[in-house]
All heavy atoms as atom14 arrays in JSON, in Angstrom:
{
  "sequence": "DEDGVGVGPSPIATGCLVDTTKRARLPGDCDDASPSEADPFCVGDGV",
  "atom14_mask": [
    [1, 1, 1, 1, 1, 1, 1, 1, 0, 0, 0, 0, 0, 0],
    [1, 1, 1, 1, 1, 1, 1, 1, 1, 0, 0, 0, 0, 0],
    [1, 1, 1, 1, 1, 1, 1, 1, 0, 0, 0, 0, 0, 0],
    [1, 1, 1, 1, 0, 0, 0, 0, 0, 0, 0, 0, 0, 0],
    [1, 1, 1, 1, 1, 1, 1, 0, 0, 0, 0, 0, 0, 0],
    [1, 1, 1, 1, 0, 0, 0, 0, 0, 0, 0, 0, 0, 0],
    [1, 1, 1, 1, 1, 1, 1, 0, 0, 0, 0, 0, 0, 0],
    [1, 1, 1, 1, 0, 0, 0, 0, 0, 0, 0, 0, 0, 0],
    [1, 1, 1, 1, 1, 1, 1, 0, 0, 0, 0, 0, 0, 0],
    [1, 1, 1, 1, 1, 1, 0, 0, 0, 0, 0, 0, 0, 0],
    [1, 1, 1, 1, 1, 1, 1, 0, 0, 0, 0, 0, 0, 0],
    [1, 1, 1, 1, 1, 1, 1, 1, 0, 0, 0, 0, 0, 0],
    [1, 1, 1, 1, 1, 0, 0, 0, 0, 0, 0, 0, 0, 0],
    [1, 1, 1, 1, 1, 1, 1, 0, 0, 0, 0, 0, 0, 0],
    [1, 1, 1, 1, 0, 0, 0, 0, 0, 0, 0, 0, 0, 0],
    [1, 1, 1, 1, 1, 1, 0, 0, 0, 0, 0, 0, 0, 0],
    [1, 1, 1, 1, 1, 1, 1, 1, 0, 0, 0, 0, 0, 0],
    [1, 1, 1, 1, 1, 1, 1, 0, 0, 0, 0, 0, 0, 0],
    [1, 1, 1, 1, 1, 1, 1, 1, 0, 0, 0, 0, 0, 0],
    [1, 1, 1, 1, 1, 1, 1, 0, 0, 0, 0, 0, 0, 0],
    [1, 1, 1, 1, 1, 1, 1, 0, 0, 0, 0, 0, 0, 0],
    [1, 1, 1, 1, 1, 1, 1, 1, 1, 0, 0, 0, 0, 0],
    [1, 1, 1, 1, 1, 1, 1, 1, 1, 1, 1, 0, 0, 0],
    [1, 1, 1, 1, 1, 0, 0, 0, 0, 0, 0, 0, 0, 0],
    [1, 1, 1, 1, 1, 1, 1, 1, 1, 1, 1, 0, 0, 0],
    [1, 1, 1, 1, 1, 1, 1, 1, 0, 0, 0, 0, 0, 0],
    [1, 1, 1, 1, 1, 1, 1, 0, 0, 0, 0, 0, 0, 0],
    [1, 1, 1, 1, 0, 0, 0, 0, 0, 0, 0, 0, 0, 0],
    [1, 1, 1, 1, 1, 1, 1, 1, 0, 0, 0, 0, 0, 0],
    [1, 1, 1, 1, 1, 1, 0, 0, 0, 0, 0, 0, 0, 0],
    [1, 1, 1, 1, 1, 1, 1, 1, 0, 0, 0, 0, 0, 0],
    [1, 1, 1, 1, 1, 1, 1, 1, 0, 0, 0, 0, 0, 0],
    [1, 1, 1, 1, 1, 0, 0, 0, 0, 0, 0, 0, 0, 0],
    [1, 1, 1, 1, 1, 1, 0, 0, 0, 0, 0, 0, 0, 0],
    [1, 1, 1, 1, 1, 1, 1, 0, 0, 0, 0, 0, 0, 0],
    [1, 1, 1, 1, 1, 1, 0, 0, 0, 0, 0, 0, 0, 0],
    [1, 1, 1, 1, 1, 1, 1, 1, 1, 0, 0, 0, 0, 0],
    [1, 1, 1, 1, 1, 0, 0, 0, 0, 0, 0, 0, 0, 0],
    [1, 1, 1, 1, 1, 1, 1, 1, 0, 0, 0, 0, 0, 0],
    [1, 1, 1, 1, 1, 1, 1, 0, 0, 0, 0, 0, 0, 0],
    [1, 1, 1, 1, 1, 1, 1, 1, 1, 1, 1, 0, 0, 0],
    [1, 1, 1, 1, 1, 1, 0, 0, 0, 0, 0, 0, 0, 0],
    [1, 1, 1, 1, 1, 1, 1, 0, 0, 0, 0, 0, 0, 0],
    [1, 1, 1, 1, 0, 0, 0, 0, 0, 0, 0, 0, 0, 0],
    [1, 1, 1, 1, 1, 1, 1, 1, 0, 0, 0, 0, 0, 0],
    [1, 1, 1, 1, 0, 0, 0, 0, 0, 0, 0, 0, 0, 0],
    [1, 1, 1, 1, 1, 1, 1, 0, 0, 0, 0, 0, 0, 0]
  ],
  "atom14_positions": [
    [[-5.32, 165.22, -68.26], [-6.01, 164.54, -67.18], [-5.98, 165.32, -65.85], [-6.5, 164.86, -64.86], [-5.42, 163.15, -66.95], [-3.9, 163.19, -66.71], [-3.36, 164.29, -66.5], [-3.29, 162.12, -66.74], [0.0, 0.0, 0.0], [0.0, 0.0, 0.0], [0.0, 0.0, 0.0], [0.0, 0.0, 0.0], [0.0, 0.0, 0.0], [0.0, 0.0, 0.0]],
    [[-5.38, 166.51, -65.89], [-5.35, 167.43, -64.73], [-4.87, 166.73, -63.47], [-5.48, 166.85, -62.4], [-6.75, 168.04, -64.54], [-7.2, 168.89, -65.74], [-8.4, 169.77, -65.45], [-9.43, 169.21, -65.08], [-8.26, 170.98, -65.58], [0.0, 0.0, 0.0], [0.0, 0.0, 0.0], [0.0, 0.0, 0.0], [0.0, 0.0, 0.0], [0.0, 0.0, 0.0]],
    [[-3.73, 166.03, -63.63], [-3.14, 165.39, -62.45], [-1.98, 166.2, -61.89], [-1.27, 165.76, -60.99], [-2.68, 163.97, -62.78], [-1.64, 163.96, -63.9], [-1.26, 165.05, -64.41], [-1.21, 162.86, -64.3], [0.0, 0.0, 0.0], [0.0, 0.0, 0.0], [0.0, 0.0, 0.0], [0.0, 0.0, 0.0], [0.0, 0.0, 0.0], [0.0, 0.0, 0.0]],
    [[-1.76, 167.4, -62.44], [-0.71, 168.28, -61.93], [0.63, 168.11, -62.64], [1.56, 168.82, -62.39], [0.0, 0.0, 0.0], [0.0, 0.0, 0.0], [0.0, 0.0, 0.0], [0.0, 0.0, 0.0], [0.0, 0.0, 0.0], [0.0, 0.0, 0.0], [0.0, 0.0, 0.0], [0.0, 0.0, 0.0], [0.0, 0.0, 0.0], [0.0, 0.0, 0.0]],
    [[0.69, 167.14, -63.6], [1.89, 166.92, -64.39], [1.47, 166.91, -65.88], [0.62, 166.12, -66.29], [2.59, 165.6, -64.03], [3.87, 165.44, -64.83], [2.88, 165.53, -62.55], [0.0, 0.0, 0.0], [0.0, 0.0, 0.0], [0.0, 0.0, 0.0], [0.0, 0.0, 0.0], [0.0, 0.0, 0.0], [0.0, 0.0, 0.0], [0.0, 0.0, 0.0]],
    [[2.08, 167.79, -66.68], [1.71, 167.89, -68.07], [2.65, 167.15, -68.98], [3.6, 166.47, -68.53], [0.0, 0.0, 0.0], [0.0, 0.0, 0.0], [0.0, 0.0, 0.0], [0.0, 0.0, 0.0], [0.0, 0.0, 0.0], [0.0, 0.0, 0.0], [0.0, 0.0, 0.0], [0.0, 0.0, 0.0], [0.0, 0.0, 0.0], [0.0, 0.0, 0.0]],
    [[2.37, 167.21, -70.26], [3.22, 166.57, -71.26], [4.17, 167.59, -71.84], [3.87, 168.76, -71.92], [2.37, 165.89, -72.36], [1.61, 164.7, -71.82], [1.42, 166.85, -73.01], [0.0, 0.0, 0.0], [0.0, 0.0, 0.0], [0.0, 0.0, 0.0], [0.0, 0.0, 0.0], [0.0, 0.0, 0.0], [0.0, 0.0, 0.0], [0.0, 0.0, 0.0]],
    [[5.31, 167.16, -72.26], [6.35, 168.04, -72.76], [6.9, 167.56, -74.08], [6.28, 166.73, -74.74], [0.0, 0.0, 0.0], [0.0, 0.0, 0.0], [0.0, 0.0, 0.0], [0.0, 0.0, 0.0], [0.0, 0.0, 0.0], [0.0, 0.0, 0.0], [0.0, 0.0, 0.0], [0.0, 0.0, 0.0], [0.0, 0.0, 0.0], [0.0, 0.0, 0.0]],
    [[8.06, 168.06, -74.48], [8.95, 168.85, -73.64], [8.75, 170.35, -73.71], [9.33, 171.09, -72.93], [10.33, 168.47, -74.22], [10.05, 168.25, -75.66], [8.68, 167.63, -75.74], [0.0, 0.0, 0.0], [0.0, 0.0, 0.0], [0.0, 0.0, 0.0], [0.0, 0.0, 0.0], [0.0, 0.0, 0.0], [0.0, 0.0, 0.0], [0.0, 0.0, 0.0]],
    [[7.94, 170.83, -74.66], [7.81, 172.27, -74.86], [6.57, 172.82, -74.17], [5.49, 172.26, -74.29], [7.73, 172.59, -76.37], [8.91, 172.14, -77.01], [0.0, 0.0, 0.0], [0.0, 0.0, 0.0], [0.0, 0.0, 0.0], [0.0, 0.0, 0.0], [0.0, 0.0, 0.0], [0.0, 0.0, 0.0], [0.0, 0.0, 0.0], [0.0, 0.0, 0.0]],
    [[6.69, 173.93, -73.43], [5.53, 174.55, -72.81], [4.6, 175.12, -73.86], [5.04, 175.52, -74.94], [6.12, 175.63, -71.91], [7.43, 175.97, -72.54], [7.95, 174.68, -73.15], [0.0, 0.0, 0.0], [0.0, 0.0, 0.0], [0.0, 0.0, 0.0], [0.0, 0.0, 0.0], [0.0, 0.0, 0.0], [0.0, 0.0, 0.0], [0.0, 0.0, 0.0]],
    [[3.31, 175.19, -73.51], [2.33, 175.78, -74.43], [1.94, 177.18, -74.01], [1.2, 177.88, -74.73], [1.07, 174.89, -74.54], [0.39, 174.75, -73.18], [1.43, 173.54, -75.11], [-0.95, 174.06, -73.26], [0.0, 0.0, 0.0], [0.0, 0.0, 0.0], [0.0, 0.0, 0.0], [0.0, 0.0, 0.0], [0.0, 0.0, 0.0], [0.0, 0.0, 0.0]],
    [[2.41, 177.62, -72.86], [2.12, 179.0, -72.41], [3.18, 179.38, -71.37], [3.8, 178.53, -70.76], [0.73, 179.09, -71.79], [0.0, 0.0, 0.0], [0.0, 0.0, 0.0], [0.0, 0.0, 0.0], [0.0, 0.0, 0.0], [0.0, 0.0, 0.0], [0.0, 0.0, 0.0], [0.0, 0.0, 0.0], [0.0, 0.0, 0.0], [0.0, 0.0, 0.0]],
    [[3.38, 180.68, -71.22], [4.3, 181.21, -70.22], [3.67, 182.35, -69.49], [2.67, 182.92, -69.94], [5.61, 181.7, -70.89], [5.3, 182.71, -71.83], [6.34, 180.55, -71.59], [0.0, 0.0, 0.0], [0.0, 0.0, 0.0], [0.0, 0.0, 0.0], [0.0, 0.0, 0.0], [0.0, 0.0, 0.0], [0.0, 0.0, 0.0], [0.0, 0.0, 0.0]],
    [[4.24, 182.66, -68.32], [3.75, 183.8, -67.55], [2.52, 183.49, -66.73], [2.25, 182.32, -66.36], [0.0, 0.0, 0.0], [0.0, 0.0, 0.0], [0.0, 0.0, 0.0], [0.0, 0.0, 0.0], [0.0, 0.0, 0.0], [0.0, 0.0, 0.0], [0.0, 0.0, 0.0], [0.0, 0.0, 0.0], [0.0, 0.0, 0.0], [0.0, 0.0, 0.0]],
    [[1.74, 184.52, -66.41], [0.56, 184.38, -65.55], [-0.67, 184.02, -66.38], [-0.88, 184.61, -67.44], [0.32, 185.66, -64.79], [1.72, 186.19, -63.8], [0.0, 0.0, 0.0], [0.0, 0.0, 0.0], [0.0, 0.0, 0.0], [0.0, 0.0, 0.0], [0.0, 0.0, 0.0], [0.0, 0.0, 0.0], [0.0, 0.0, 0.0], [0.0, 0.0, 0.0]],
    [[-1.45, 183.04, -65.92], [-2.63, 182.6, -66.62], [-3.88, 182.9, -65.79], [-3.89, 182.64, -64.59], [-2.58, 181.12, -66.93], [-1.43, 180.62, -67.82], [-1.64, 179.14, -68.11], [-1.36, 181.4, -69.13], [0.0, 0.0, 0.0], [0.0, 0.0, 0.0], [0.0, 0.0, 0.0], [0.0, 0.0, 0.0], [0.0, 0.0, 0.0], [0.0, 0.0, 0.0]],
    [[-4.91, 183.4, -66.44], [-6.2, 183.59, -65.77], [-6.92, 182.27, -65.64], [-7.49, 181.96, -64.6], [-7.07, 184.6, -66.55], [-8.46, 184.71, -65.91], [-6.37, 185.97, -66.62], [0.0, 0.0, 0.0], [0.0, 0.0, 0.0], [0.0, 0.0, 0.0], [0.0, 0.0, 0.0], [0.0, 0.0, 0.0], [0.0, 0.0, 0.0], [0.0, 0.0, 0.0]],
    [[-6.85, 181.46, -66.68], [-7.49, 180.14, -66.69], [-6.43, 179.06, -66.73], [-5.69, 178.95, -67.74], [-8.43, 180.03, -67.91], [-9.19, 178.72, -67.96], [-9.06, 177.92, -67.0], [-9.97, 178.53, -68.92], [0.0, 0.0, 0.0], [0.0, 0.0, 0.0], [0.0, 0.0, 0.0], [0.0, 0.0, 0.0], [0.0, 0.0, 0.0], [0.0, 0.0, 0.0]],
    [[-6.3, 178.25, -65.72], [-5.31, 177.2, -65.68], [-5.88, 175.8, -65.93], [-5.29, 174.8, -65.61], [-4.57, 177.19, -64.31], [-5.52, 177.0, -63.26], [-3.81, 178.5, -64.11], [0.0, 0.0, 0.0], [0.0, 0.0, 0.0], [0.0, 0.0, 0.0], [0.0, 0.0, 0.0], [0.0, 0.0, 0.0], [0.0, 0.0, 0.0], [0.0, 0.0, 0.0]],
    [[-7.1, 175.76, -66.51], [-7.7, 174.48, -66.84], [-6.84, 173.69, -67.82], [-6.38, 174.26, -68.83], [-9.11, 174.72, -67.48], [-9.92, 175.47, -66.6], [-9.8, 173.38, -67.78], [0.0, 0.0, 0.0], [0.0, 0.0, 0.0], [0.0, 0.0, 0.0], [0.0, 0.0, 0.0], [0.0, 0.0, 0.0], [0.0, 0.0, 0.0], [0.0, 0.0, 0.0]],
    [[-6.56, 172.48, -67.48], [-5.73, 171.6, -68.31], [-4.36, 172.2, -68.55], [-3.76, 172.02, -69.62], [-6.42, 171.23, -69.62], [-7.67, 170.42, -69.43], [-8.27, 169.91, -70.72], [-9.5, 169.05, -70.42], [-10.11, 168.51, -71.67], [0.0, 0.0, 0.0], [0.0, 0.0, 0.0], [0.0, 0.0, 0.0], [0.0, 0.0, 0.0], [0.0, 0.0, 0.0]],
    [[-3.84, 172.86, -67.52], [-2.5, 173.4, -67.57], [-1.75, 172.99, -66.33], [-2.31, 172.94, -65.23], [-2.52, 174.94, -67.65], [-3.24, 175.52, -68.88], [-2.43, 175.26, -70.14], [-3.09, 175.82, -71.31], [-3.91, 175.17, -72.11], [-4.19, 173.9, -71.85], [-4.45, 175.74, -73.16], [0.0, 0.0, 0.0], [0.0, 0.0, 0.0], [0.0, 0.0, 0.0]],
    [[-0.49, 172.63, -66.45], [0.35, 172.21, -65.32], [1.73, 172.88, -65.43], [2.19, 173.11, -66.55], [0.49, 170.71, -65.25], [0.0, 0.0, 0.0], [0.0, 0.0, 0.0], [0.0, 0.0, 0.0], [0.0, 0.0, 0.0], [0.0, 0.0, 0.0], [0.0, 0.0, 0.0], [0.0, 0.0, 0.0], [0.0, 0.0, 0.0], [0.0, 0.0, 0.0]],
    [[2.32, 173.17, -64.3], [3.66, 173.77, -64.29], [4.74, 172.73, -64.55], [5.83, 173.1, -64.97], [3.9, 174.42, -62.92], [3.17, 175.71, -62.67], [3.66, 176.84, -63.58], [5.14, 176.97, -63.54], [5.79, 177.63, -62.59], [5.14, 178.23, -61.62], [7.11, 177.69, -62.63], [0.0, 0.0, 0.0], [0.0, 0.0, 0.0], [0.0, 0.0, 0.0]],
    [[4.47, 171.46, -64.34], [5.48, 170.43, -64.46], [5.29, 169.59, -65.71], [4.17, 169.18, -66.02], [5.45, 169.51, -63.26], [5.42, 170.15, -61.88], [5.37, 169.07, -60.82], [6.67, 171.0, -61.69], [0.0, 0.0, 0.0], [0.0, 0.0, 0.0], [0.0, 0.0, 0.0], [0.0, 0.0, 0.0], [0.0, 0.0, 0.0], [0.0, 0.0, 0.0]],
    [[6.36, 169.28, -66.46], [6.26, 168.32, -67.53], [6.66, 166.97, -67.02], [7.07, 166.82, -65.87], [7.31, 168.84, -68.55], [8.37, 169.4, -67.65], [7.65, 169.99, -66.44], [0.0, 0.0, 0.0], [0.0, 0.0, 0.0], [0.0, 0.0, 0.0], [0.0, 0.0, 0.0], [0.0, 0.0, 0.0], [0.0, 0.0, 0.0], [0.0, 0.0, 0.0]],
    [[6.49, 165.93, -67.84], [6.99, 164.59, -67.47], [5.9, 163.56, -67.22], [6.21, 162.49, -66.72], [0.0, 0.0, 0.0], [0.0, 0.0, 0.0], [0.0, 0.0, 0.0], [0.0, 0.0, 0.0], [0.0, 0.0, 0.0], [0.0, 0.0, 0.0], [0.0, 0.0, 0.0], [0.0, 0.0, 0.0], [0.0, 0.0, 0.0], [0.0, 0.0, 0.0]],
    [[4.62, 163.84, -67.59], [3.59, 162.83, -67.39], [3.82, 161.62, -68.27], [4.18, 161.75, -69.43], [2.21, 163.44, -67.69], [1.1, 162.72, -66.96], [1.35, 161.62, -66.48], [-0.01, 163.26, -66.89], [0.0, 0.0, 0.0], [0.0, 0.0, 0.0], [0.0, 0.0, 0.0], [0.0, 0.0, 0.0], [0.0, 0.0, 0.0], [0.0, 0.0, 0.0]],
    [[3.66, 160.42, -67.69], [3.83, 159.21, -68.48], [2.58, 158.88, -69.31], [2.66, 158.35, -70.4], [4.1, 158.04, -67.53], [5.54, 158.25, -66.51], [0.0, 0.0, 0.0], [0.0, 0.0, 0.0], [0.0, 0.0, 0.0], [0.0, 0.0, 0.0], [0.0, 0.0, 0.0], [0.0, 0.0, 0.0], [0.0, 0.0, 0.0], [0.0, 0.0, 0.0]],
    [[1.39, 159.19, -68.77], [0.14, 158.94, -69.47], [-0.81, 160.09, -69.15], [-1.38, 160.15, -68.07], [-0.45, 157.59, -69.02], [-1.7, 157.24, -69.8], [-2.2, 158.09, -70.56], [-2.19, 156.09, -69.66], [0.0, 0.0, 0.0], [0.0, 0.0, 0.0], [0.0, 0.0, 0.0], [0.0, 0.0, 0.0], [0.0, 0.0, 0.0], [0.0, 0.0, 0.0]],
    [[-0.97, 160.99, -70.12], [-1.78, 162.19, -69.86], [-3.26, 161.93, -69.96], [-4.09, 162.85, -69.9], [-1.39, 163.34, -70.8], [-1.73, 164.68, -70.24], [-1.65, 164.86, -69.01], [-2.09, 165.58, -71.04], [0.0, 0.0, 0.0], [0.0, 0.0, 0.0], [0.0, 0.0, 0.0], [0.0, 0.0, 0.0], [0.0, 0.0, 0.0], [0.0, 0.0, 0.0]],
    [[-3.63, 160.64, -70.11], [-5.05, 160.3, -70.09], [-5.44, 159.6, -68.79], [-6.56, 159.21, -68.58], [-5.38, 159.39, -71.28], [0.0, 0.0, 0.0], [0.0, 0.0, 0.0], [0.0, 0.0, 0.0], [0.0, 0.0, 0.0], [0.0, 0.0, 0.0], [0.0, 0.0, 0.0], [0.0, 0.0, 0.0], [0.0, 0.0, 0.0], [0.0, 0.0, 0.0]],
    [[-4.44, 159.41, -67.9], [-4.69, 158.67, -66.66], [-4.14, 159.48, -65.48], [-2.92, 159.65, -65.37], [-4.01, 157.31, -66.72], [-4.07, 156.68, -65.44], [0.0, 0.0, 0.0], [0.0, 0.0, 0.0], [0.0, 0.0, 0.0], [0.0, 0.0, 0.0], [0.0, 0.0, 0.0], [0.0, 0.0, 0.0], [0.0, 0.0, 0.0], [0.0, 0.0, 0.0]],
    [[-5.01, 159.99, -64.6], [-4.53, 160.76, -63.45], [-3.62, 160.01, -62.51], [-2.84, 160.6, -61.77], [-5.83, 161.17, -62.73], [-6.88, 161.02, -63.74], [-6.46, 159.89, -64.65], [0.0, 0.0, 0.0], [0.0, 0.0, 0.0], [0.0, 0.0, 0.0], [0.0, 0.0, 0.0], [0.0, 0.0, 0.0], [0.0, 0.0, 0.0], [0.0, 0.0, 0.0]],
    [[-3.7, 158.66, -62.51], [-2.84, 157.87, -61.61], [-1.45, 157.66, -62.15], [-0.6, 157.15, -61.42], [-3.52, 156.52, -61.32], [-3.59, 155.77, -62.51], [0.0, 0.0, 0.0], [0.0, 0.0, 0.0], [0.0, 0.0, 0.0], [0.0, 0.0, 0.0], [0.0, 0.0, 0.0], [0.0, 0.0, 0.0], [0.0, 0.0, 0.0], [0.0, 0.0, 0.0]],
    [[-1.2, 158.02, -63.4], [0.11, 157.81, -64.0], [0.87, 159.13, -64.1], [1.16, 159.61, -65.16], [-0.05, 157.18, -65.38], [-0.64, 155.8, -65.39], [0.28, 154.77, -64.77], [1.53, 154.99, -64.82], [-0.2, 153.76, -64.22], [0.0, 0.0, 0.0], [0.0, 0.0, 0.0], [0.0, 0.0, 0.0], [0.0, 0.0, 0.0], [0.0, 0.0, 0.0]],
    [[1.16, 159.71, -62.96], [1.89, 160.99, -62.92], [3.37, 160.82, -62.68], [4.07, 161.79, -62.5], [1.28, 161.9, -61.84], [0.0, 0.0, 0.0], [0.0, 0.0, 0.0], [0.0, 0.0, 0.0], [0.0, 0.0, 0.0], [0.0, 0.0, 0.0], [0.0, 0.0, 0.0], [0.0, 0.0, 0.0], [0.0, 0.0, 0.0], [0.0, 0.0, 0.0]],
    [[3.85, 159.59, -62.66], [5.29, 159.38, -62.49], [6.03, 159.98, -63.7], [5.42, 160.23, -64.73], [5.57, 157.87, -62.42], [5.09, 157.29, -61.08], [4.95, 158.08, -60.14], [4.89, 156.09, -61.01], [0.0, 0.0, 0.0], [0.0, 0.0, 0.0], [0.0, 0.0, 0.0], [0.0, 0.0, 0.0], [0.0, 0.0, 0.0], [0.0, 0.0, 0.0]],
    [[7.34, 160.24, -63.65], [8.27, 159.81, -62.59], [8.46, 160.77, -61.44], [9.31, 160.57, -60.63], [9.56, 159.64, -63.37], [9.48, 160.74, -64.38], [8.06, 160.82, -64.77], [0.0, 0.0, 0.0], [0.0, 0.0, 0.0], [0.0, 0.0, 0.0], [0.0, 0.0, 0.0], [0.0, 0.0, 0.0], [0.0, 0.0, 0.0], [0.0, 0.0, 0.0]],
    [[7.65, 161.83, -61.35], [7.97, 162.83, -60.35], [7.14, 162.73, -59.09], [7.45, 163.34, -58.08], [7.83, 164.23, -60.96], [8.65, 164.37, -62.2], [8.07, 164.58, -63.42], [10.02, 164.22, -62.14], [8.84, 164.67, -64.56], [10.8, 164.27, -63.27], [10.2, 164.51, -64.48], [0.0, 0.0, 0.0], [0.0, 0.0, 0.0], [0.0, 0.0, 0.0]],
    [[6.02, 162.0, -59.13], [5.29, 161.68, -57.9], [4.93, 162.94, -57.14], [5.2, 163.1, -55.96], [6.16, 160.79, -57.03], [5.26, 159.8, -55.81], [0.0, 0.0, 0.0], [0.0, 0.0, 0.0], [0.0, 0.0, 0.0], [0.0, 0.0, 0.0], [0.0, 0.0, 0.0], [0.0, 0.0, 0.0], [0.0, 0.0, 0.0], [0.0, 0.0, 0.0]],
    [[4.27, 163.91, -57.84], [3.93, 165.17, -57.19], [2.42, 165.37, -57.18], [1.66, 164.55, -57.68], [4.58, 166.35, -57.95], [6.09, 166.26, -57.91], [4.08, 166.39, -59.37], [0.0, 0.0, 0.0], [0.0, 0.0, 0.0], [0.0, 0.0, 0.0], [0.0, 0.0, 0.0], [0.0, 0.0, 0.0], [0.0, 0.0, 0.0], [0.0, 0.0, 0.0]],
    [[1.99, 166.48, -56.62], [0.58, 166.79, -56.57], [-0.14, 165.89, -55.59], [0.34, 165.57, -54.52], [0.0, 0.0, 0.0], [0.0, 0.0, 0.0], [0.0, 0.0, 0.0], [0.0, 0.0, 0.0], [0.0, 0.0, 0.0], [0.0, 0.0, 0.0], [0.0, 0.0, 0.0], [0.0, 0.0, 0.0], [0.0, 0.0, 0.0], [0.0, 0.0, 0.0]],
    [[-1.35, 165.47, -55.97], [-2.16, 164.62, -55.08], [-2.15, 163.18, -55.49], [-3.03, 162.4, -55.11], [-3.6, 165.16, -55.06], [-3.7, 166.53, -54.44], [-2.93, 166.79, -53.5], [-4.52, 167.32, -54.9], [0.0, 0.0, 0.0], [0.0, 0.0, 0.0], [0.0, 0.0, 0.0], [0.0, 0.0, 0.0], [0.0, 0.0, 0.0], [0.0, 0.0, 0.0]],
    [[-1.21, 162.75, -56.32], [-1.16, 161.37, -56.72], [-0.84, 160.45, -55.56], [-0.27, 160.85, -54.59], [0.0, 0.0, 0.0], [0.0, 0.0, 0.0], [0.0, 0.0, 0.0], [0.0, 0.0, 0.0], [0.0, 0.0, 0.0], [0.0, 0.0, 0.0], [0.0, 0.0, 0.0], [0.0, 0.0, 0.0], [0.0, 0.0, 0.0], [0.0, 0.0, 0.0]],
    [[-1.2, 159.19, -55.68], [-1.0, 158.23, -54.63], [0.28, 157.47, -54.88], [0.56, 157.03, -55.99], [-2.19, 157.24, -54.52], [-1.87, 156.1, -53.55], [-3.44, 157.97, -54.12], [0.0, 0.0, 0.0], [0.0, 0.0, 0.0], [0.0, 0.0, 0.0], [0.0, 0.0, 0.0], [0.0, 0.0, 0.0], [0.0, 0.0, 0.0], [0.0, 0.0, 0.0]]
  ]
}
C-alpha cells in the first residue's frame, strides 16, 4: 500500500535500489492493503 511501512519479518531486498516502488525500509505494517493502518510505528505521512 506504499504507506512507508512494509510487511515482515524478512526483507525482500538489501542494499541500494534503483526502483523503490512498493518497497519500504521499515517492517511492522498491520494491514498492507490499507495506507491508514501503518501502526504500531506511526511513521511516514500517516495521520
